[in-house]
N, C-alpha and C. Protein backbone atom coordinates (compact mmCIF):
# COMPACT_ATOMS: atom_id res chain seq x y z
N MET A 1 104.04 15.74 70.25
CA MET A 1 105.32 15.89 70.64
C MET A 1 105.73 17.24 70.82
N SER A 2 106.48 17.49 71.99
CA SER A 2 107.02 18.93 72.19
C SER A 2 108.37 19.12 71.67
N LEU A 3 108.52 20.33 71.28
CA LEU A 3 109.93 20.61 70.79
C LEU A 3 110.80 21.03 71.85
N SER A 4 111.89 20.87 71.80
CA SER A 4 113.11 21.30 72.83
C SER A 4 113.33 22.56 72.56
N TYR A 5 113.91 23.22 73.60
CA TYR A 5 114.28 24.70 73.43
C TYR A 5 115.22 24.99 72.49
N ASN A 6 116.23 24.09 72.05
CA ASN A 6 117.08 24.30 71.04
C ASN A 6 116.52 24.38 69.71
N SER A 7 115.56 23.55 69.38
CA SER A 7 114.85 23.45 68.11
C SER A 7 113.94 24.80 68.07
N ILE A 8 113.33 25.22 69.13
CA ILE A 8 112.54 26.38 69.08
C ILE A 8 113.52 27.64 68.73
N PHE A 9 114.56 27.69 69.31
CA PHE A 9 115.50 28.88 69.04
C PHE A 9 115.99 28.79 67.70
N PHE A 10 116.48 27.54 67.24
CA PHE A 10 116.77 27.33 65.81
C PHE A 10 115.80 27.90 64.75
N LYS A 11 114.54 27.58 65.00
CA LYS A 11 113.54 27.89 64.12
C LYS A 11 113.43 29.54 64.12
N ILE A 12 113.49 30.13 65.23
CA ILE A 12 113.56 31.59 65.31
C ILE A 12 114.68 32.14 64.77
N TYR A 13 116.01 31.52 64.86
CA TYR A 13 117.08 32.06 64.07
C TYR A 13 117.08 31.94 62.63
N CYS A 14 116.36 30.86 62.10
CA CYS A 14 116.16 30.69 60.66
C CYS A 14 115.12 31.71 60.19
N LYS A 15 114.34 32.15 61.00
CA LYS A 15 113.27 33.00 60.58
C LYS A 15 113.84 34.45 60.23
N PHE A 16 114.90 34.91 61.11
CA PHE A 16 115.30 36.15 60.96
C PHE A 16 116.64 36.19 60.24
N PHE A 17 117.66 35.21 60.31
CA PHE A 17 118.92 35.36 59.96
C PHE A 17 119.24 34.43 58.56
N THR A 18 118.32 33.73 58.20
CA THR A 18 118.60 32.97 56.86
C THR A 18 117.50 33.28 55.88
N LYS A 19 117.80 32.52 54.62
CA LYS A 19 116.90 32.67 53.54
C LYS A 19 116.10 31.29 53.13
N PHE A 20 114.90 31.31 53.31
CA PHE A 20 114.06 30.06 52.91
C PHE A 20 114.33 29.90 51.42
N VAL A 21 114.64 28.49 51.18
CA VAL A 21 114.91 28.14 49.77
C VAL A 21 113.80 27.44 49.21
N GLY A 22 113.42 26.43 50.06
CA GLY A 22 112.33 25.47 49.45
C GLY A 22 111.89 24.47 50.38
N GLU A 23 110.84 23.61 50.00
CA GLU A 23 110.20 22.60 50.93
C GLU A 23 110.10 21.41 49.91
N ASP A 24 110.17 20.09 50.45
CA ASP A 24 110.14 19.01 49.68
C ASP A 24 108.77 18.26 49.93
N ASP A 25 108.63 17.07 49.35
CA ASP A 25 107.27 16.42 49.52
C ASP A 25 106.88 16.09 50.91
N TYR A 26 108.03 15.76 51.84
CA TYR A 26 107.64 15.39 53.19
C TYR A 26 107.51 16.43 54.19
N GLY A 27 107.64 17.66 53.66
CA GLY A 27 107.41 18.86 54.52
C GLY A 27 108.66 19.47 55.09
N ASN A 28 109.88 18.94 54.73
CA ASN A 28 111.01 19.29 55.24
C ASN A 28 111.37 20.82 54.71
N THR A 29 111.87 21.63 55.42
CA THR A 29 112.07 23.00 54.86
C THR A 29 113.69 23.26 54.64
N TYR A 30 114.09 24.01 53.76
CA TYR A 30 115.55 24.07 53.29
C TYR A 30 115.78 25.62 53.46
N TYR A 31 117.20 25.80 54.06
CA TYR A 31 117.59 27.12 54.39
C TYR A 31 118.94 27.29 53.70
N THR A 32 119.33 28.54 53.56
CA THR A 32 120.69 28.90 53.12
C THR A 32 121.10 30.09 54.05
N LYS A 33 122.28 30.29 54.03
CA LYS A 33 122.99 31.46 54.68
C LYS A 33 124.35 31.68 54.05
N LYS A 34 124.54 33.08 53.73
CA LYS A 34 125.80 33.33 53.11
C LYS A 34 126.77 33.51 54.23
N ASN A 35 127.58 32.58 54.54
CA ASN A 35 128.62 32.42 55.49
C ASN A 35 129.77 31.94 54.89
N ASN A 36 130.37 32.73 54.20
CA ASN A 36 131.85 32.20 53.49
C ASN A 36 132.97 32.28 54.44
N SER A 37 133.14 31.27 55.09
CA SER A 37 134.17 30.98 55.91
C SER A 37 135.27 29.73 55.57
N ILE A 38 136.41 29.90 56.08
CA ILE A 38 137.20 28.68 55.66
C ILE A 38 136.67 27.44 56.17
N LYS A 39 135.94 27.52 57.36
CA LYS A 39 135.42 26.22 57.95
C LYS A 39 134.42 25.62 56.97
N ASN A 40 133.63 26.23 55.92
CA ASN A 40 132.74 25.62 55.31
C ASN A 40 133.31 25.73 53.73
N ASN A 41 134.58 25.72 53.60
CA ASN A 41 135.35 25.88 52.23
C ASN A 41 134.86 26.99 51.45
N SER A 42 134.80 28.10 52.21
CA SER A 42 134.14 29.42 51.43
C SER A 42 133.02 29.30 50.53
N ARG A 43 132.11 28.47 51.08
CA ARG A 43 130.59 28.19 50.54
C ARG A 43 129.64 28.49 51.34
N GLU A 44 128.50 28.84 50.83
CA GLU A 44 127.24 29.23 51.76
C GLU A 44 126.84 27.98 52.37
N ARG A 45 126.33 28.26 53.57
CA ARG A 45 125.75 27.17 54.46
C ARG A 45 124.52 26.77 53.94
N ARG A 46 124.05 25.57 54.03
CA ARG A 46 122.79 24.97 53.63
C ARG A 46 122.55 24.03 54.63
N PHE A 47 121.09 24.24 55.15
CA PHE A 47 120.69 23.10 56.05
C PHE A 47 119.20 23.05 55.96
N ILE A 48 118.69 22.17 56.70
CA ILE A 48 117.44 21.58 56.78
C ILE A 48 116.71 21.58 58.11
N ILE A 49 115.45 21.83 58.09
CA ILE A 49 114.59 21.64 59.23
C ILE A 49 113.66 20.46 59.14
N TYR A 50 113.80 19.37 59.69
CA TYR A 50 112.95 18.13 59.35
C TYR A 50 111.60 18.48 59.87
N ARG A 51 110.46 17.84 59.17
CA ARG A 51 109.23 17.90 59.91
C ARG A 51 108.86 16.46 60.32
N GLY A 52 108.64 16.58 61.56
CA GLY A 52 108.26 15.07 62.31
C GLY A 52 109.71 14.58 62.74
N ILE A 53 109.93 13.30 62.65
CA ILE A 53 110.95 12.58 63.05
C ILE A 53 112.10 12.98 62.24
N VAL A 54 113.18 13.23 63.00
CA VAL A 54 114.57 13.47 62.27
C VAL A 54 115.22 12.50 61.82
N GLU A 55 115.28 12.27 60.47
CA GLU A 55 115.70 11.07 59.92
C GLU A 55 116.34 11.46 58.49
N ALA A 56 117.72 11.23 58.38
CA ALA A 56 118.41 11.68 57.04
C ALA A 56 117.82 10.99 55.88
N SER A 57 117.04 9.86 56.02
CA SER A 57 116.46 9.04 54.98
C SER A 57 115.31 9.75 54.21
N LYS A 58 114.81 10.78 55.01
CA LYS A 58 113.76 11.54 54.50
C LYS A 58 113.91 12.59 53.38
N VAL A 59 115.33 12.74 53.31
CA VAL A 59 115.75 13.76 52.32
C VAL A 59 115.69 13.16 51.03
N PRO A 60 114.94 13.86 49.99
CA PRO A 60 115.06 13.25 48.63
C PRO A 60 116.39 13.43 47.97
N GLN A 61 116.71 12.62 46.93
CA GLN A 61 118.12 12.58 46.37
C GLN A 61 118.38 13.98 45.82
N GLU A 62 117.41 14.76 45.11
CA GLU A 62 117.78 15.95 44.60
C GLU A 62 118.17 16.97 45.58
N TRP A 63 117.32 16.97 46.83
CA TRP A 63 117.76 17.89 47.89
C TRP A 63 119.06 17.60 48.60
N ASN A 64 119.35 16.18 48.63
CA ASN A 64 120.65 15.76 49.05
C ASN A 64 121.65 16.23 48.48
N ALA A 65 121.61 16.29 47.16
CA ALA A 65 122.55 16.71 46.35
C ALA A 65 122.88 18.24 46.32
N TRP A 66 121.81 18.86 46.59
CA TRP A 66 121.92 20.50 46.86
C TRP A 66 122.57 20.66 48.22
N LEU A 67 122.02 19.81 49.17
CA LEU A 67 122.69 20.34 50.56
C LEU A 67 123.99 19.96 50.64
N HIS A 68 124.69 18.94 49.79
CA HIS A 68 126.09 18.71 49.88
C HIS A 68 126.95 19.44 48.81
N HIS A 69 126.36 20.50 48.16
CA HIS A 69 127.06 21.19 47.22
C HIS A 69 127.38 20.45 45.99
N VAL A 70 126.71 19.36 45.67
CA VAL A 70 126.96 18.65 44.44
C VAL A 70 126.23 19.38 43.19
N SER A 71 125.13 19.96 43.59
CA SER A 71 124.59 20.78 42.41
C SER A 71 124.00 22.07 43.29
N ASN A 72 124.10 23.22 42.43
CA ASN A 72 123.76 24.57 42.90
C ASN A 72 122.47 24.85 42.35
N ASP A 73 121.75 24.02 41.49
CA ASP A 73 120.35 24.46 41.03
C ASP A 73 119.45 23.85 42.12
N LEU A 74 118.49 24.75 42.25
CA LEU A 74 117.40 24.15 43.26
C LEU A 74 116.60 23.11 42.71
N PRO A 75 116.28 21.99 43.49
CA PRO A 75 115.34 21.05 42.85
C PRO A 75 114.08 21.45 42.60
N LYS A 76 113.46 21.03 41.63
CA LYS A 76 112.12 21.41 41.03
C LYS A 76 111.12 20.32 41.64
N LYS A 77 109.75 20.94 41.82
CA LYS A 77 108.85 19.86 42.29
C LYS A 77 108.61 18.95 41.17
N THR A 78 108.81 17.56 41.50
CA THR A 78 108.45 16.52 40.52
C THR A 78 107.21 15.67 41.07
N SER A 79 106.60 15.38 40.10
CA SER A 79 105.24 14.44 40.42
C SER A 79 105.84 13.09 40.77
N LYS A 80 105.11 12.48 41.91
CA LYS A 80 105.37 11.06 42.18
C LYS A 80 104.85 10.16 41.29
N LYS A 81 105.64 9.12 40.76
CA LYS A 81 105.15 8.31 39.82
C LYS A 81 104.30 7.24 40.60
N SER A 82 103.29 6.63 39.82
CA SER A 82 102.39 5.65 40.46
C SER A 82 103.00 4.41 41.03
N TRP A 83 104.09 4.13 40.55
CA TRP A 83 104.73 2.84 41.10
C TRP A 83 105.76 3.09 42.31
N MET A 84 105.96 4.28 42.72
CA MET A 84 106.64 4.70 43.75
C MET A 84 105.84 4.47 45.10
N LYS A 85 106.60 3.99 46.00
CA LYS A 85 105.92 3.60 47.46
C LYS A 85 106.28 4.90 48.25
N ASP A 86 105.40 5.03 49.36
CA ASP A 86 105.72 6.03 50.24
C ASP A 86 106.86 5.76 51.06
N HIS A 87 107.37 6.78 51.69
CA HIS A 87 108.66 6.51 52.51
C HIS A 87 108.27 6.07 53.92
N LEU A 88 109.06 4.96 54.27
CA LEU A 88 109.03 4.32 55.57
C LEU A 88 110.32 4.61 56.29
N PRO A 89 110.24 5.06 57.48
CA PRO A 89 111.53 5.14 58.40
C PRO A 89 112.12 3.86 58.45
N ASN A 90 113.39 3.82 58.96
CA ASN A 90 114.21 2.93 59.30
C ASN A 90 113.40 1.91 60.47
N MET A 91 112.95 0.79 60.34
CA MET A 91 112.11 0.21 61.33
C MET A 91 112.93 -0.81 62.29
N THR A 92 114.22 -0.80 62.10
CA THR A 92 115.19 -1.47 62.89
C THR A 92 115.04 -1.28 64.40
N GLY A 93 114.71 -2.31 65.23
CA GLY A 93 114.61 -2.03 66.58
C GLY A 93 113.33 -1.80 67.10
N THR A 94 112.22 -1.80 65.99
CA THR A 94 110.88 -1.48 66.58
C THR A 94 109.88 -2.71 66.38
N PRO A 95 108.92 -2.72 66.86
CA PRO A 95 108.18 -4.01 66.70
C PRO A 95 107.55 -4.16 65.20
N TYR A 96 107.91 -3.23 64.47
CA TYR A 96 107.53 -3.36 62.92
C TYR A 96 108.81 -3.78 62.15
N ALA A 97 109.79 -4.15 62.91
CA ALA A 97 110.92 -4.56 61.99
C ALA A 97 110.84 -5.89 61.29
N TYR A 98 111.42 -6.19 60.29
CA TYR A 98 111.20 -7.16 59.43
C TYR A 98 111.82 -8.41 60.03
N GLU A 99 111.06 -9.41 60.11
CA GLU A 99 111.59 -10.47 60.88
C GLU A 99 111.52 -11.71 59.91
N TYR A 100 112.66 -12.34 59.75
CA TYR A 100 112.85 -13.48 58.82
C TYR A 100 112.20 -14.68 59.34
N LYS A 101 111.54 -15.41 58.53
CA LYS A 101 110.94 -16.67 58.88
C LYS A 101 111.50 -17.74 58.33
N ASP A 102 111.99 -18.93 59.14
CA ASP A 102 112.65 -19.88 58.44
C ASP A 102 111.71 -20.95 58.04
N GLN A 103 111.55 -21.28 56.80
CA GLN A 103 110.55 -22.22 56.48
C GLN A 103 111.24 -23.56 56.04
N LYS A 104 111.27 -24.54 56.75
CA LYS A 104 111.84 -25.72 56.62
C LYS A 104 110.91 -26.56 55.72
N LYS A 105 111.23 -27.03 54.57
CA LYS A 105 110.48 -27.88 53.68
C LYS A 105 110.93 -29.44 53.99
N SER A 106 110.01 -30.12 54.17
CA SER A 106 110.09 -31.47 54.19
C SER A 106 110.56 -32.35 53.04
N ASP A 107 110.07 -31.71 51.96
CA ASP A 107 110.60 -32.44 50.63
C ASP A 107 111.87 -32.27 50.16
N LYS A 108 112.79 -31.28 50.76
CA LYS A 108 113.98 -31.21 50.54
C LYS A 108 114.66 -32.40 51.21
N VAL A 109 115.99 -32.60 50.72
CA VAL A 109 116.84 -33.82 51.21
C VAL A 109 117.46 -33.17 52.40
N LYS A 110 118.05 -31.99 52.26
CA LYS A 110 118.97 -31.44 53.43
C LYS A 110 118.45 -29.98 53.44
N ASN A 111 118.20 -29.58 54.66
CA ASN A 111 118.06 -28.06 54.83
C ASN A 111 119.07 -27.51 55.89
N ILE A 112 120.22 -27.17 55.35
CA ILE A 112 121.40 -26.79 56.11
C ILE A 112 121.35 -25.47 56.74
N TYR A 113 120.44 -24.65 56.33
CA TYR A 113 120.33 -23.29 56.83
C TYR A 113 119.31 -23.15 58.04
N SER A 114 119.60 -22.30 58.86
CA SER A 114 118.72 -22.13 60.04
C SER A 114 119.17 -20.71 60.76
N ILE A 115 118.35 -20.24 61.46
CA ILE A 115 118.27 -18.90 62.09
C ILE A 115 119.21 -19.08 63.29
N TRP A 116 120.20 -18.28 63.38
CA TRP A 116 121.21 -18.23 64.58
C TRP A 116 120.40 -17.51 65.73
N LYS A 117 120.54 -18.00 67.00
CA LYS A 117 119.83 -17.35 67.93
C LYS A 117 120.97 -17.29 69.18
N PRO A 118 121.13 -16.06 69.68
CA PRO A 118 122.07 -15.73 70.73
C PRO A 118 122.30 -16.72 71.88
N ASP A 119 121.12 -17.31 72.24
CA ASP A 119 121.28 -18.39 73.33
C ASP A 119 121.87 -19.58 73.08
N GLU A 120 121.98 -19.95 71.71
CA GLU A 120 122.62 -21.09 71.39
C GLU A 120 124.01 -21.26 71.56
N ASN A 121 124.60 -22.49 71.75
CA ASN A 121 126.08 -22.46 71.85
C ASN A 121 126.44 -23.54 70.64
């Protein structure tokens, strides 16, 4: 996948004019810039460069709290629990999207639920 010109220039900008803060388990990198302006409620600017597909659901909750100025403490590396699943992006609109299967049972007296299809009237 090739990067657009904007993302290349943004990475160069981050290299020279911002401070690297940390990286999460997904490889996303976090930066901060002291830019106390009225537009940002006199707070420092915090932002992220996603690794791979740009999707907000790939931001862990600790980093999300830091990005939105809920917490000023930098998140610590936490070990992943054995019962936790790996992140999957939103699959809506892809061939891998969840598809509901209507299973009508003949032993039931009435099965009043069915899947609506747009071509039905």
